[in-house]
Amino acid sequence: MAMKIRLARGGSKKRPHYAVVAADSRMARDGRFIEKLGTYNPLLAKDDERRVVLNVERVQYWLGQGAQPTDRVARFLETAGIVAKKERANLKKGEPGKKAKERAEEKAAKAAEAAEAAAE
């Protein structure tokens, strides 16, 4: 049985609330799960300690049993210090688009012209 540690969505429309669960990978996202390991409330402030609440002992147990965390849950576990931080390959995702690059070049050229005018 392929185990996953993932998020199960709850809450109403536009008010999400997630449970961090250990589930069989073949089950539906919000379907049957084996154990609830914590909660995630994205509506709370990022520095609020109640935003992500995990039962660390049970998470470590499931990781020892071979459960694979999803990307989002892996980030929570990295923040909590449960798993080692790994490199991610978003090589093109953070790069500005074509128009943004053009605007940045124009802005740099204007700044250089202003600096020359101020020097004279």
Protein backbone atom coordinates (compact mmCIF):
# COMPACT_ATOMS: atom_id res chain seq x y z
CA MET A 1 0.00 0.00 0.00
CA ALA A 2 1.51 3.35 -1.08
CA MET A 3 1.08 5.81 1.77
CA LYS A 4 0.98 9.59 1.45
CA ILE A 5 0.99 12.37 4.01
CA ARG A 6 -1.20 15.00 2.39
CA LEU A 7 -3.84 17.67 2.91
CA ALA A 8 -7.57 16.93 3.01
CA ARG A 9 -9.72 20.00 2.40
CA GLY A 10 -12.52 20.99 4.70
CA GLY A 11 -14.36 24.20 5.43
CA SER A 12 -16.88 26.04 3.33
CA LYS A 13 -16.63 27.90 0.07
CA LYS A 14 -13.88 30.58 0.18
CA ARG A 15 -13.01 29.53 3.77
CA PRO A 16 -10.62 26.59 3.41
CA HIS A 17 -9.36 24.54 6.31
CA TYR A 18 -7.13 21.52 5.81
CA ALA A 19 -6.37 18.40 7.78
CA VAL A 20 -2.92 16.86 7.44
CA VAL A 21 -3.64 13.14 7.05
CA ALA A 22 -1.90 9.85 6.39
CA ALA A 23 -3.82 8.15 3.58
CA ASP A 24 -3.53 5.49 0.94
CA SER A 25 -2.48 7.22 -2.28
CA ARG A 26 -5.35 5.55 -4.17
CA MET A 27 -8.03 7.23 -2.05
CA ALA A 28 -9.70 10.52 -2.99
CA ARG A 29 -8.24 13.78 -1.68
CA ASP A 30 -11.04 14.33 0.84
CA GLY A 31 -11.93 10.67 1.10
CA ARG A 32 -10.92 7.90 3.45
CA PHE A 33 -7.75 8.34 5.45
CA ILE A 34 -5.98 6.29 8.08
CA GLU A 35 -5.00 8.92 10.63
CA LYS A 36 -5.26 12.67 11.13
CA LEU A 37 -1.80 14.09 11.86
CA GLY A 38 -2.53 17.80 12.19
CA THR A 39 -4.24 20.85 10.73
CA TYR A 40 -3.44 23.74 8.39
CA ASN A 41 -5.44 26.98 8.34
CA PRO A 42 -4.27 29.24 5.47
CA LEU A 43 -6.51 32.09 6.63
CA LEU A 44 -4.38 32.74 9.70
CA ALA A 45 -1.34 35.03 9.60
CA LYS A 46 1.92 33.42 8.48
CA ASP A 47 3.55 34.01 11.87
CA ASP A 48 0.63 32.53 13.84
CA GLU A 49 1.60 29.27 15.58
CA ARG A 50 -1.91 27.86 15.00
CA ARG A 51 -1.55 28.12 11.19
CA VAL A 52 0.14 24.71 11.00
CA VAL A 53 -0.32 22.27 13.88
CA LEU A 54 1.33 18.84 13.59
CA ASN A 55 1.54 15.77 15.81
CA VAL A 56 5.30 15.37 15.34
CA GLU A 57 5.54 11.88 16.87
CA ARG A 58 2.90 10.44 14.54
CA VAL A 59 4.36 12.20 11.49
CA GLN A 60 7.76 10.66 12.25
CA TYR A 61 6.11 7.26 12.70
CA TRP A 62 4.47 7.43 9.27
CA LEU A 63 7.65 8.67 7.63
CA GLY A 64 9.39 5.66 9.19
CA GLN A 65 6.73 3.42 7.68
CA GLY A 66 7.57 4.78 4.21
CA ALA A 67 4.86 7.40 3.75
CA GLN A 68 5.78 10.09 1.23
CA PRO A 69 4.75 13.70 1.99
CA THR A 70 3.29 15.84 -0.78
CA ASP A 71 5.13 19.03 -1.79
CA ARG A 72 3.12 21.34 0.46
CA VAL A 73 3.29 19.01 3.47
CA ALA A 74 7.04 18.55 2.87
CA ARG A 75 7.44 22.32 3.23
CA PHE A 76 5.57 22.22 6.54
CA LEU A 77 7.81 19.41 7.73
CA GLU A 78 10.94 21.32 6.67
CA THR A 79 9.77 24.37 8.62
CA ALA A 80 9.11 22.20 11.68
CA GLY A 81 12.57 20.63 11.33
CA ILE A 82 11.24 17.09 10.88
CA VAL A 83 12.80 16.46 7.46
CA ALA A 84 15.89 17.95 5.85
CA LYS A 85 15.39 20.85 3.46
CA LYS A 86 15.77 19.84 -0.17
CA GLU A 87 16.54 21.83 -3.28
CA ARG A 88 13.66 22.52 -5.64
CA ALA A 89 14.04 23.11 -9.35
CA ASN A 90 11.82 26.05 -10.28
CA LEU A 91 14.31 27.28 -12.80
CA LYS A 92 11.95 29.22 -15.07
CA LYS A 93 9.11 29.89 -12.64
CA GLY A 94 10.78 32.76 -10.76
CA GLU A 95 12.19 34.38 -13.87
CA PRO A 96 10.43 37.57 -15.05
CA GLY A 97 8.53 37.49 -18.32
CA LYS A 98 9.54 39.18 -21.57
CA LYS A 99 7.65 42.44 -20.94
CA ALA A 100 8.88 42.70 -17.35
CA LYS A 101 12.47 42.32 -18.57
CA GLU A 102 11.92 45.09 -21.15
CA ARG A 103 10.46 47.39 -18.48
CA ALA A 104 13.42 46.70 -16.18
CA GLU A 105 15.88 47.54 -18.98
CA GLU A 106 14.03 50.81 -19.75
CA LYS A 107 14.01 51.72 -16.06
CA ALA A 108 17.75 51.01 -15.76
CA ALA A 109 18.46 53.13 -18.86
CA LYS A 110 16.44 56.06 -17.43
CA ALA A 111 18.26 55.75 -14.10
CA ALA A 112 21.62 55.79 -15.90
CA GLU A 113 20.59 58.92 -17.86
CA ALA A 114 19.47 60.62 -14.65
CA ALA A 115 22.77 59.75 -12.98
CA GLU A 116 24.73 61.23 -15.92
CA ALA A 117 22.64 64.42 -15.83
CA ALA A 118 23.18 64.76 -12.09
CA ALA A 119 26.96 64.23 -12.50
CA GLU A 120 27.19 67.09 -15.02
